[in-house]
């Protein structure tokens, strides 16, 4: 957050009323109502809840189990509806299969949008491509390009126009 604020010249703005972090994983499948009460008792009305990562917030459950994944998806839906907000979930692709998500297929089926982020340069990892793989009520396939810009002890992303990326069409 500090790096983003420095990049955008917002260092003097107090973000404490707009941004909060729970500094430990929350077992969403079991503790979603506890999380919801914590949100309600704060001064924040979230526009977005970020869960980073599914693996860390899945608790002792089995990602390959339909029952465990269905319970997790139900908890996500409950949070989304209860707080009238967007949920953004960070997840990983299968280790050897870069085209599919790790875990039970019920998860992928329940998602409205899937954006795959991958490194464009395996050596330096300084450029990323984000591809819309699934869009429930819209078009798939859009690609966005970014470079990682060091910023203090962190980094920010800067958008790159596709016209400057080799083998990409302009637009």
C-alpha atoms as a PDB file:
ATOM      1  CA  UNK A   1       0.000   0.000   0.000  1.00  0.00           C
ATOM      2  CA  UNK A   2       2.830   2.398   0.859  1.00  0.00           C
ATOM      3  CA  UNK A   3       4.537   1.700  -2.465  1.00  0.00           C
ATOM      4  CA  UNK A   4       1.292   2.294  -4.389  1.00  0.00           C
ATOM      5  CA  UNK A   5       0.733   5.562  -2.519  1.00  0.00           C
ATOM      6  CA  UNK A   6       4.294   6.731  -3.299  1.00  0.00           C
ATOM      7  CA  UNK A   7       3.849   5.810  -6.982  1.00  0.00           C
ATOM      8  CA  UNK A   8       0.614   7.796  -7.226  1.00  0.00           C
ATOM      9  CA  UNK A   9       1.594  10.737  -5.030  1.00  0.00           C
ATOM     10  CA  UNK A  10      -0.970   9.964  -2.333  1.00  0.00           C
ATOM     11  CA  UNK A  11       1.424   9.680   0.628  1.00  0.00           C
ATOM     12  CA  UNK A  12      -0.311  12.414   2.614  1.00  0.00           C
ATOM     13  CA  UNK A  13      -3.772  10.846   2.355  1.00  0.00           C
ATOM     14  CA  UNK A  14      -4.955   8.920   5.429  1.00  0.00           C
ATOM     15  CA  UNK A  15      -6.100   5.549   4.110  1.00  0.00           C
ATOM     16  CA  UNK A  16      -6.919   3.984   7.485  1.00  0.00           C
ATOM     17  CA  UNK A  17     -10.634   4.568   6.908  1.00  0.00           C
ATOM     18  CA  UNK A  18     -10.453   3.028   3.419  1.00  0.00           C
ATOM     19  CA  UNK A  19      -8.183   0.055   3.871  1.00  0.00           C
ATOM     20  CA  UNK A  20      -7.654  -2.603   6.521  1.00  0.00           C
ATOM     21  CA  UNK A  21      -5.779  -5.874   6.738  1.00  0.00           C
ATOM     22  CA  UNK A  22      -6.290  -8.985   8.803  1.00  0.00           C
ATOM     23  CA  UNK A  23      -2.708 -10.090   9.332  1.00  0.00           C
ATOM     24  CA  UNK A  24      -3.372 -13.805   9.547  1.00  0.00           C
ATOM     25  CA  UNK A  25      -5.134 -16.416   7.440  1.00  0.00           C
ATOM     26  CA  UNK A  26      -8.838 -16.882   8.149  1.00  0.00           C
ATOM     27  CA  UNK A  27     -10.421 -20.297   7.610  1.00  0.00           C
ATOM     28  CA  UNK A  28     -13.178 -18.904   5.382  1.00  0.00           C
ATOM     29  CA  UNK A  29     -15.194 -22.136   5.251  1.00  0.00           C
ATOM     30  CA  UNK A  30     -15.531 -22.242   9.048  1.00  0.00           C
ATOM     31  CA  UNK A  31     -14.999 -18.635  10.162  1.00  0.00           C
ATOM     32  CA  UNK A  32     -16.831 -16.581   7.524  1.00  0.00           C
ATOM     33  CA  UNK A  33     -19.475 -15.404   9.992  1.00  0.00           C
ATOM     34  CA  UNK A  34     -16.754 -14.393  12.484  1.00  0.00           C
ATOM     35  CA  UNK A  35     -15.058 -12.457   9.683  1.00  0.00           C
ATOM     36  CA  UNK A  36     -18.387 -10.869   8.772  1.00  0.00           C
ATOM     37  CA  UNK A  37     -19.002  -9.737  12.370  1.00  0.00           C
ATOM     38  CA  UNK A  38     -15.483  -8.257  12.492  1.00  0.00           C
ATOM     39  CA  UNK A  39     -16.220  -6.308   9.305  1.00  0.00           C
ATOM     40  CA  UNK A  40     -19.558  -5.131  10.733  1.00  0.00           C
ATOM     41  CA  UNK A  41     -17.918  -3.952  13.977  1.00  0.00           C
ATOM     42  CA  UNK A  42     -15.288  -1.929  12.118  1.00  0.00           C
ATOM     43  CA  UNK A  43     -15.845   1.454  10.548  1.00  0.00           C
ATOM     44  CA  UNK A  44     -15.324  -0.072   7.106  1.00  0.00           C
ATOM     45  CA  UNK A  45     -17.972  -0.909   4.551  1.00  0.00           C
ATOM     46  CA  UNK A  46     -15.927  -2.918   2.050  1.00  0.00           C
ATOM     47  CA  UNK A  47     -16.159  -2.453  -1.683  1.00  0.00           C
ATOM     48  CA  UNK A  48     -13.708  -5.334  -2.175  1.00  0.00           C
ATOM     49  CA  UNK A  49     -12.614  -8.169   0.092  1.00  0.00           C
ATOM     50  CA  UNK A  50      -9.315  -9.734  -1.009  1.00  0.00           C
ATOM     51  CA  UNK A  51      -8.568 -13.285   0.063  1.00  0.00           C
ATOM     52  CA  UNK A  52      -4.881 -14.083  -0.391  1.00  0.00           C
ATOM     53  CA  UNK A  53      -4.580 -17.022  -1.031  1.00  0.00           C
ATOM     54  CA  UNK A  54      -7.239 -19.726  -1.269  1.00  0.00           C
ATOM     55  CA  UNK A  55      -4.706 -22.214   0.081  1.00  0.00           C
ATOM     56  CA  UNK A  56      -3.973 -20.140   3.195  1.00  0.00           C
ATOM     57  CA  UNK A  57      -7.657 -19.454   3.885  1.00  0.00           C
ATOM     58  CA  UNK A  58      -8.960 -22.955   3.153  1.00  0.00           C
ATOM     59  CA  UNK A  59      -8.085 -24.263   6.607  1.00  0.00           C
ATOM     60  CA  UNK A  60      -7.499 -27.996   7.074  1.00  0.00           C
ATOM     61  CA  UNK A  61      -9.927 -28.822   4.269  1.00  0.00           C
ATOM     62  CA  UNK A  62      -9.077 -30.746   1.094  1.00  0.00           C
ATOM     63  CA  UNK A  63      -9.008 -28.549  -2.050  1.00  0.00           C
ATOM     64  CA  UNK A  64      -9.853 -31.636  -4.140  1.00  0.00           C
ATOM     65  CA  UNK A  65     -13.001 -32.480  -2.159  1.00  0.00           C
ATOM     66  CA  UNK A  66     -16.286 -31.385  -3.749  1.00  0.00           C
ATOM     67  CA  UNK A  67     -17.922 -31.084  -0.316  1.00  0.00           C
ATOM     68  CA  UNK A  68     -15.111 -28.930   1.128  1.00  0.00           C
ATOM     69  CA  UNK A  69     -14.935 -26.730  -1.963  1.00  0.00           C
ATOM     70  CA  UNK A  70     -18.726 -26.295  -2.057  1.00  0.00           C
ATOM     71  CA  UNK A  71     -18.695 -25.194   1.597  1.00  0.00           C
ATOM     72  CA  UNK A  72     -15.912 -22.692   0.803  1.00  0.00           C
ATOM     73  CA  UNK A  73     -17.772 -21.305  -2.231  1.00  0.00           C
ATOM     74  CA  UNK A  74     -20.952 -20.996  -0.137  1.00  0.00           C
ATOM     75  CA  UNK A  75     -19.007 -18.974   2.466  1.00  0.00           C
ATOM     76  CA  UNK A  76     -17.591 -16.684  -0.245  1.00  0.00           C
ATOM     77  CA  UNK A  77     -21.064 -16.123  -1.699  1.00  0.00           C
ATOM     78  CA  UNK A  78     -22.465 -15.412   1.761  1.00  0.00           C
ATOM     79  CA  UNK A  79     -19.745 -12.766   2.411  1.00  0.00           C
ATOM     80  CA  UNK A  80     -20.278 -11.188  -1.018  1.00  0.00           C
ATOM     81  CA  UNK A  81     -24.048 -10.882  -0.565  1.00  0.00           C
ATOM     82  CA  UNK A  82     -23.935  -9.937   3.139  1.00  0.00           C
ATOM     83  CA  UNK A  83     -21.522  -7.061   2.501  1.00  0.00           C
ATOM     84  CA  UNK A  84     -22.698  -6.183  -1.027  1.00  0.00           C
ATOM     85  CA  UNK A  85     -19.133  -6.174  -2.301  1.00  0.00           C
ATOM     86  CA  UNK A  86     -16.749  -7.819  -4.730  1.00  0.00           C
ATOM     87  CA  UNK A  87     -14.603 -10.729  -3.609  1.00  0.00           C
ATOM     88  CA  UNK A  88     -11.169 -11.035  -5.159  1.00  0.00           C
ATOM     89  CA  UNK A  89      -9.506 -14.361  -4.498  1.00  0.00           C
ATOM     90  CA  UNK A  90      -5.864 -15.125  -5.244  1.00  0.00           C
ATOM     91  CA  UNK A  91      -5.372 -18.758  -6.271  1.00  0.00           C
ATOM     92  CA  UNK A  92      -2.764 -20.836  -8.061  1.00  0.00           C
ATOM     93  CA  UNK A  93      -2.845 -22.977 -11.151  1.00  0.00           C
ATOM     94  CA  UNK A  94      -2.126 -26.675 -10.888  1.00  0.00           C
ATOM     95  CA  UNK A  95       1.621 -27.284 -10.588  1.00  0.00           C
ATOM     96  CA  UNK A  96       2.158 -29.123 -13.870  1.00  0.00           C
ATOM     97  CA  UNK A  97      -0.979 -27.930 -15.614  1.00  0.00           C
ATOM     98  CA  UNK A  98      -0.766 -24.172 -16.093  1.00  0.00           C
ATOM     99  CA  UNK A  99      -4.168 -23.994 -17.811  1.00  0.00           C
ATOM    100  CA  UNK A 100      -6.361 -25.124 -14.928  1.00  0.00           C
ATOM    101  CA  UNK A 101      -6.835 -24.038 -11.337  1.00  0.00           C
ATOM    102  CA  UNK A 102      -5.608 -26.179  -8.499  1.00  0.00           C
ATOM    103  CA  UNK A 103      -8.253 -28.179  -6.634  1.00  0.00           C
ATOM    104  CA  UNK A 104     -11.819 -29.270  -7.274  1.00  0.00           C
ATOM    105  CA  UNK A 105     -13.511 -28.188 -10.500  1.00  0.00           C
ATOM    106  CA  UNK A 106     -16.568 -26.962  -8.539  1.00  0.00           C
ATOM    107  CA  UNK A 107     -14.505 -23.908  -7.634  1.00  0.00           C
ATOM    108  CA  UNK A 108     -13.774 -22.873 -11.222  1.00  0.00           C
ATOM    109  CA  UNK A 109     -17.410 -23.424 -12.164  1.00  0.00           C
ATOM    110  CA  UNK A 110     -18.595 -21.077  -9.409  1.00  0.00           C
ATOM    111  CA  UNK A 111     -16.394 -18.147 -10.433  1.00  0.00           C
ATOM    112  CA  UNK A 112     -17.744 -15.236 -12.457  1.00  0.00           C
ATOM    113  CA  UNK A 113     -14.336 -14.039 -13.630  1.00  0.00           C
ATOM    114  CA  UNK A 114     -10.937 -15.693 -13.886  1.00  0.00           C
ATOM    115  CA  UNK A 115      -7.884 -13.581 -14.665  1.00  0.00           C
ATOM    116  CA  UNK A 116      -4.676 -15.516 -15.227  1.00  0.00           C
ATOM    117  CA  UNK A 117      -1.503 -13.615 -14.334  1.00  0.00           C
ATOM    118  CA  UNK A 118       1.777 -14.940 -15.640  1.00  0.00           C
ATOM    119  CA  UNK A 119       5.342 -13.791 -16.061  1.00  0.00           C
ATOM    120  CA  UNK A 120       6.359 -12.851 -19.588  1.00  0.00           C
ATOM    121  CA  UNK A 121      10.063 -13.152 -18.782  1.00  0.00           C
ATOM    122  CA  UNK A 122      11.091 -16.288 -16.888  1.00  0.00           C
ATOM    123  CA  UNK A 123      14.549 -14.797 -16.128  1.00  0.00           C
ATOM    124  CA  UNK A 124      13.770 -11.424 -14.565  1.00  0.00           C
ATOM    125  CA  UNK A 125       9.992 -11.663 -13.965  1.00  0.00           C
ATOM    126  CA  UNK A 126       9.782  -7.902 -14.597  1.00  0.00           C
ATOM    127  CA  UNK A 127       6.841  -8.076 -17.023  1.00  0.00           C
ATOM    128  CA  UNK A 128       3.452  -9.669 -16.462  1.00  0.00           C
ATOM    129  CA  UNK A 129       0.515 -10.547 -18.658  1.00  0.00           C
ATOM    130  CA  UNK A 130      -3.008 -10.691 -17.231  1.00  0.00           C
ATOM    131  CA  UNK A 131      -5.499 -12.566 -19.426  1.00  0.00           C
ATOM    132  CA  UNK A 132      -9.254 -12.724 -18.846  1.00  0.00           C
ATOM    133  CA  UNK A 133      -9.788 -16.482 -19.092  1.00  0.00           C
ATOM    134  CA  UNK A 134     -13.442 -16.512 -18.030  1.00  0.00           C
ATOM    135  CA  UNK A 135     -16.015 -13.736 -17.877  1.00  0.00           C
ATOM    136  CA  UNK A 136     -19.496 -14.935 -16.920  1.00  0.00           C
ATOM    137  CA  UNK A 137     -21.538 -12.347 -18.776  1.00  0.00           C
ATOM    138  CA  UNK A 138     -18.938 -10.893 -21.082  1.00  0.00           C
ATOM    139  CA  UNK A 139     -16.120 -11.445 -23.482  1.00  0.00           C
ATOM    140  CA  UNK A 140     -13.064 -13.574 -22.643  1.00  0.00           C
ATOM    141  CA  UNK A 141      -9.550 -13.171 -23.957  1.00  0.00           C
ATOM    142  CA  UNK A 142      -8.639  -9.583 -23.142  1.00  0.00           C
ATOM    143  CA  UNK A 143      -4.951  -9.177 -22.281  1.00  0.00           C
ATOM    144  CA  UNK A 144      -3.289  -6.542 -20.147  1.00  0.00           C
ATOM    145  CA  UNK A 145       0.447  -6.018 -19.719  1.00  0.00           C
ATOM    146  CA  UNK A 146       2.371  -4.650 -16.752  1.00  0.00           C
ATOM    147  CA  UNK A 147       5.917  -4.102 -15.635  1.00  0.00           C
ATOM    148  CA  UNK A 148       7.012  -4.489 -12.035  1.00  0.00           C
ATOM    149  CA  UNK A 149       8.570  -1.254 -10.773  1.00  0.00           C
ATOM    150  CA  UNK A 150      10.691  -1.451  -7.589  1.00  0.00           C
ATOM    151  CA  UNK A 151       9.429   1.058  -5.033  1.00  0.00           C
ATOM    152  CA  UNK A 152      11.189   1.199  -1.654  1.00  0.00           C
ATOM    153  CA  UNK A 153      11.055  -2.249  -0.067  1.00  0.00           C
ATOM    154  CA  UNK A 154       8.138  -3.239  -2.297  1.00  0.00           C
ATOM    155  CA  UNK A 155       6.976  -2.761  -5.883  1.00  0.00           C
ATOM    156  CA  UNK A 156       4.093  -1.455  -7.955  1.00  0.00           C
ATOM    157  CA  UNK A 157       2.702  -2.364 -11.357  1.00  0.00           C
ATOM    158  CA  UNK A 158       2.805   0.011 -14.287  1.00  0.00           C
ATOM    159  CA  UNK A 159       0.599  -0.683 -17.305  1.00  0.00           C
ATOM    160  CA  UNK A 160       2.377  -1.263 -20.625  1.00  0.00           C
ATOM    161  CA  UNK A 161       0.546  -0.648 -23.899  1.00  0.00           C
ATOM    162  CA  UNK A 162       0.185  -3.884 -25.849  1.00  0.00           C
ATOM    163  CA  UNK A 163       1.584  -2.145 -28.930  1.00  0.00           C
ATOM    164  CA  UNK A 164       5.064  -2.215 -27.377  1.00  0.00           C
ATOM    165  CA  UNK A 165       4.946  -5.930 -26.511  1.00  0.00           C
ATOM    166  CA  UNK A 166       6.537  -8.264 -29.038  1.00  0.00           C
ATOM    167  CA  UNK A 167       4.047 -10.555 -30.818  1.00  0.00           C
ATOM    168  CA  UNK A 168       1.004  -8.697 -29.453  1.00  0.00           C
ATOM    169  CA  UNK A 169      -1.428  -6.781 -31.601  1.00  0.00           C
ATOM    170  CA  UNK A 170      -2.047  -3.112 -30.992  1.00  0.00           C
ATOM    171  CA  UNK A 171      -5.146  -2.250 -29.012  1.00  0.00           C
END
